[in-house]
Amino acid sequence: MNTAAGSDLRRRLDQGLAGLGFAPDDRLCRALLAYIELLAKWNKTYSLTAVRDPTRMVTHHVLDSMAILPYLNGSQLLDVGTGAGLPGVVLALVRRNSHWVLLDSNAKKIRFVTQAVMELKLGNVEVVRARVEDYRPRQRFSSVIARAFGPVSELYERTRHLYALGGCLLAMKGGALADELAELRRSGVACEVYRLQVPGLSAQRNLVIVRSD
C-alpha cells in the first residue's frame, strides 16, 4: 500500500473510531490497517469478500464490526461463519483480554483467518474449521456472534448447544427484518433489536440479540 493511500485509510479509520467513541490508539489503528492490507492482498486471489476497495473495507468491515462492541456479553466469544474474520478478527484486536473462537467450514477462508491471526499476533484467538451444528467445544460461550449468516431463527436453532448459562446470540443484520422477527415470534423466541450507527455507512444496520433459555 503506497504512502498516500495508507495515510488516507488512517485518516478515515481515525475519524470512524472517533465516531464510535474510541480514544486515539495508535497500536489498534496500525493493527486494523494491517488486517485491511492483508485482506485486500488475499482478496485478489481468493475472493474472500465482495468489498475490494480498502477504503470501503474501513467502513463496511472494520467499523461495522466494531459497532457491536457495547453489546458483547462475557469473555468467551464465538464468531460463527467468520468468513474472512469478520467480525471476529476485528473484535479480537480490540478485546484482547477475551477468548475468541472463529468458526467456519470453508477451508479457503479458514486458511486466510489462520494467517491473519498469526501475522497480527492474536494470542487470544482459536481458529476452527467445522460446521456449526457439528462443533462441540470444551467450554460454551457467553456470546455467539454472526454476521450475514442467514435467518435469525435458523441461526439460533443451529447454535443452541453452544451457549453458556446466561449466554446470548448477537446477529448482525441489514435493514429488512420484519419477516425474520415474525418467524422468531412464531417459534416462541424473544429478542431485542438495536439500530447500529456505523460512521460513514448509510445502509441500515441492526443487531438482533436472543438470550439463551
Protein backbone atom coordinates (compact mmCIF):
# COMPACT_ATOMS: atom_id res chain seq x y z
CA MET A 1 0.00 0.00 0.00
CA ASN A 2 1.55 3.33 -1.04
CA THR A 3 2.09 6.16 1.43
CA ALA A 4 -0.74 8.37 0.17
CA ALA A 5 -3.28 5.53 0.20
CA GLY A 6 -2.11 4.46 3.65
CA SER A 7 -2.45 7.99 5.01
CA ASP A 8 -5.98 8.28 3.62
CA LEU A 9 -7.01 4.97 5.17
CA ARG A 10 -5.54 6.01 8.52
CA ARG A 11 -7.44 9.31 8.39
CA ARG A 12 -10.71 7.56 7.59
CA LEU A 13 -10.11 4.98 10.30
CA ASP A 14 -9.27 7.64 12.89
CA GLN A 15 -12.45 9.55 12.03
CA GLY A 16 -14.55 6.40 12.18
CA LEU A 17 -13.15 5.29 15.53
CA ALA A 18 -13.78 8.76 16.93
CA GLY A 19 -17.35 8.49 15.68
CA LEU A 20 -17.72 5.25 17.62
CA GLY A 21 -16.39 6.92 20.75
CA PHE A 22 -12.86 5.49 20.77
CA ALA A 23 -9.94 7.50 22.10
CA PRO A 24 -6.90 7.71 19.79
CA ASP A 25 -4.99 4.40 19.86
CA ASP A 26 -2.03 4.12 17.51
CA ARG A 27 -1.40 0.45 18.23
CA LEU A 28 -5.00 -0.51 17.47
CA CYS A 29 -5.09 1.57 14.29
CA ARG A 30 -1.89 0.02 12.97
CA ALA A 31 -3.23 -3.47 13.68
CA LEU A 32 -6.55 -2.76 11.95
CA LEU A 33 -4.80 -1.29 8.92
CA ALA A 34 -2.51 -4.33 8.77
CA TYR A 35 -5.60 -6.54 8.71
CA ILE A 36 -7.16 -4.48 5.90
CA GLU A 37 -3.94 -4.66 3.89
CA LEU A 38 -3.74 -8.43 4.34
CA LEU A 39 -7.41 -8.89 3.43
CA ALA A 40 -7.06 -6.74 0.30
CA LYS A 41 -3.98 -8.73 -0.76
CA TRP A 42 -5.59 -12.16 -0.31
CA ASN A 43 -8.86 -10.98 -1.80
CA LYS A 44 -7.22 -10.51 -5.20
CA THR A 45 -6.65 -14.27 -5.44
CA TYR A 46 -9.19 -15.91 -3.15
CA SER A 47 -12.29 -13.65 -3.42
CA LEU A 48 -12.89 -13.61 0.33
CA THR A 49 -15.23 -10.62 0.26
CA ALA A 50 -17.19 -8.68 -2.35
CA VAL A 51 -15.75 -5.46 -0.90
CA ARG A 52 -12.46 -4.97 -2.73
CA ASP A 53 -11.63 -1.32 -2.11
CA PRO A 54 -9.60 -0.92 1.13
CA THR A 55 -11.35 2.40 1.76
CA ARG A 56 -14.73 0.67 1.80
CA MET A 57 -13.27 -2.08 3.97
CA VAL A 58 -12.76 0.54 6.68
CA THR A 59 -16.48 1.34 6.86
CA HIS A 60 -18.16 -1.84 5.62
CA HIS A 61 -15.97 -4.28 7.54
CA VAL A 62 -13.93 -2.71 10.35
CA LEU A 63 -16.27 -0.01 11.66
CA ASP A 64 -19.33 -2.17 11.00
CA SER A 65 -17.79 -4.94 13.12
CA MET A 66 -16.80 -2.59 15.94
CA ALA A 67 -20.29 -1.12 16.23
CA ILE A 68 -21.45 -4.16 18.24
CA LEU A 69 -18.74 -3.85 20.91
CA PRO A 70 -21.06 -2.30 23.56
CA TYR A 71 -23.35 -5.33 23.29
CA LEU A 72 -20.80 -8.11 23.80
CA ASN A 73 -21.55 -10.32 26.77
CA GLY A 74 -18.79 -12.01 28.79
CA SER A 75 -15.32 -13.06 27.72
CA GLN A 76 -15.87 -16.43 25.98
CA LEU A 77 -16.83 -15.40 22.46
CA LEU A 78 -17.62 -17.32 19.27
CA ASP A 79 -17.81 -15.89 15.74
CA VAL A 80 -19.97 -18.29 13.70
CA GLY A 81 -19.35 -18.30 9.95
CA THR A 82 -16.43 -15.94 10.40
CA GLY A 83 -15.62 -15.88 6.67
CA ALA A 84 -12.69 -13.51 6.27
CA GLY A 85 -12.55 -13.00 10.05
CA LEU A 86 -15.50 -10.64 10.32
CA PRO A 87 -16.34 -9.55 12.87
CA GLY A 88 -14.09 -11.85 14.92
CA VAL A 89 -10.61 -10.68 13.96
CA VAL A 90 -11.56 -7.03 14.29
CA LEU A 91 -13.22 -7.52 17.67
CA ALA A 92 -10.38 -9.68 18.98
CA LEU A 93 -7.94 -6.86 18.19
CA VAL A 94 -9.97 -4.62 20.50
CA ARG A 95 -10.95 -7.15 23.17
CA ARG A 96 -7.55 -8.79 23.69
CA ASN A 97 -8.47 -9.88 27.22
CA SER A 98 -11.29 -12.08 25.88
CA HIS A 99 -11.02 -15.57 24.37
CA TRP A 100 -12.28 -15.86 20.81
CA VAL A 101 -13.11 -18.83 18.61
CA LEU A 102 -13.51 -18.07 14.89
CA LEU A 103 -15.51 -20.83 13.23
CA ASP A 104 -16.10 -21.57 9.55
CA SER A 105 -16.42 -24.67 7.38
CA ASN A 106 -14.76 -23.11 4.31
CA ALA A 107 -11.12 -24.23 4.02
CA LYS A 108 -10.05 -21.24 1.90
CA LYS A 109 -11.41 -18.73 4.39
CA ILE A 110 -10.00 -20.61 7.37
CA ARG A 111 -6.54 -20.51 5.76
CA PHE A 112 -6.78 -16.75 5.48
CA VAL A 113 -8.05 -16.28 9.04
CA THR A 114 -5.28 -18.53 10.38
CA GLN A 115 -2.69 -16.43 8.53
CA ALA A 116 -4.24 -13.18 9.77
CA VAL A 117 -4.25 -14.39 13.39
CA MET A 118 -0.60 -15.38 13.07
CA GLU A 119 0.55 -12.12 11.43
CA LEU A 120 -1.43 -9.95 13.85
CA LYS A 121 -0.12 -11.97 16.82
CA LEU A 122 -3.59 -12.63 18.22
CA GLY A 123 -2.85 -14.99 21.06
CA ASN A 124 -6.45 -14.73 22.27
CA VAL A 125 -7.90 -16.38 19.15
CA GLU A 126 -8.54 -20.01 18.22
CA VAL A 127 -9.44 -20.79 14.61
CA VAL A 128 -11.66 -23.82 13.98
CA ARG A 129 -12.81 -25.38 10.73
CA ALA A 130 -16.18 -27.06 11.31
CA ARG A 131 -19.87 -26.84 10.58
CA VAL A 132 -21.60 -25.05 13.43
CA GLU A 133 -24.04 -27.90 14.09
CA ASP A 134 -21.12 -30.34 14.40
CA TYR A 135 -18.96 -28.15 16.65
CA ARG A 136 -18.69 -29.39 20.23
CA PRO A 137 -16.36 -27.11 22.23
CA ARG A 138 -14.91 -27.94 25.64
CA GLN A 139 -16.43 -24.73 27.00
CA ARG A 140 -19.63 -22.98 25.99
CA PHE A 141 -19.81 -19.30 25.08
CA SER A 142 -21.12 -16.15 26.71
CA SER A 143 -21.69 -14.56 23.28
CA VAL A 144 -22.24 -16.22 19.91
CA ILE A 145 -21.88 -13.68 17.11
CA ALA A 146 -22.83 -13.99 13.45
CA ARG A 147 -22.69 -11.54 10.56
CA ALA A 148 -24.75 -12.13 7.41
CA PHE A 149 -25.33 -15.77 8.33
CA GLY A 150 -28.96 -16.24 7.36
CA PRO A 151 -32.35 -16.13 9.10
CA VAL A 152 -32.05 -15.47 12.84
CA SER A 153 -34.48 -18.26 13.76
CA GLU A 154 -32.42 -20.83 11.85
CA LEU A 155 -29.18 -19.46 13.27
CA TYR A 156 -30.50 -19.69 16.82
CA GLU A 157 -31.61 -23.30 16.38
CA ARG A 158 -28.23 -24.29 14.91
CA THR A 159 -26.30 -22.67 17.76
CA ARG A 160 -28.44 -23.53 20.81
CA HIS A 161 -25.93 -26.13 22.00
CA LEU A 162 -23.17 -23.50 22.22
CA TYR A 163 -24.49 -21.06 24.83
CA ALA A 164 -23.23 -20.91 28.39
CA LEU A 165 -25.67 -20.12 31.19
CA GLY A 166 -26.76 -16.53 30.60
CA GLY A 167 -25.26 -16.52 27.11
CA CYS A 168 -26.73 -14.83 24.07
CA LEU A 169 -26.79 -14.70 20.29
CA LEU A 170 -25.80 -11.45 18.57
CA ALA A 171 -26.94 -11.50 14.95
CA MET A 172 -25.77 -8.61 12.76
CA LYS A 173 -28.42 -7.87 10.14
CA GLY A 174 -29.35 -5.45 7.38
CA GLY A 175 -32.49 -3.34 7.20
CA ALA A 176 -35.31 -5.77 6.27
CA LEU A 177 -36.13 -7.62 9.49
CA ALA A 178 -39.92 -7.90 9.72
CA ASP A 179 -40.19 -11.43 8.32
CA GLU A 180 -37.30 -12.74 10.45
CA LEU A 181 -38.69 -11.22 13.64
CA ALA A 182 -42.13 -12.65 12.88
CA GLU A 183 -40.58 -16.10 12.44
CA LEU A 184 -38.82 -15.77 15.80
CA ARG A 185 -42.11 -14.86 17.48
CA ARG A 186 -43.86 -17.84 15.89
CA SER A 187 -41.10 -20.02 17.35
CA GLY A 188 -41.70 -18.53 20.80
CA VAL A 189 -38.27 -16.87 20.87
CA ALA A 190 -37.98 -13.40 22.40
CA CYS A 191 -35.40 -10.95 21.07
CA GLU A 192 -34.12 -7.40 21.35
CA VAL A 193 -33.37 -5.27 18.28
CA TYR A 194 -30.92 -2.36 18.24
CA ARG A 195 -30.17 0.08 15.42
CA LEU A 196 -26.42 0.32 14.88
CA GLN A 197 -24.79 3.61 13.94
CA VAL A 198 -21.77 2.96 11.73
CA PRO A 199 -19.74 6.09 10.81
CA GLY A 200 -19.57 6.55 7.05
CA LEU A 201 -22.12 3.82 6.31
CA SER A 202 -25.56 4.93 5.13
CA ALA A 203 -27.10 1.46 4.87
CA GLN A 204 -29.25 0.46 7.83
CA ARG A 205 -27.55 -1.94 10.22
CA ASN A 206 -29.25 -3.75 13.09
CA LEU A 207 -28.28 -6.08 15.88
CA VAL A 208 -30.72 -8.79 16.98
CA ILE A 209 -30.00 -10.24 20.42
CA VAL A 210 -31.53 -13.52 21.59
CA ARG A 211 -30.94 -14.60 25.17
CA SER A 212 -30.41 -18.32 25.73
CA ASP A 213 -33.17 -20.15 27.58
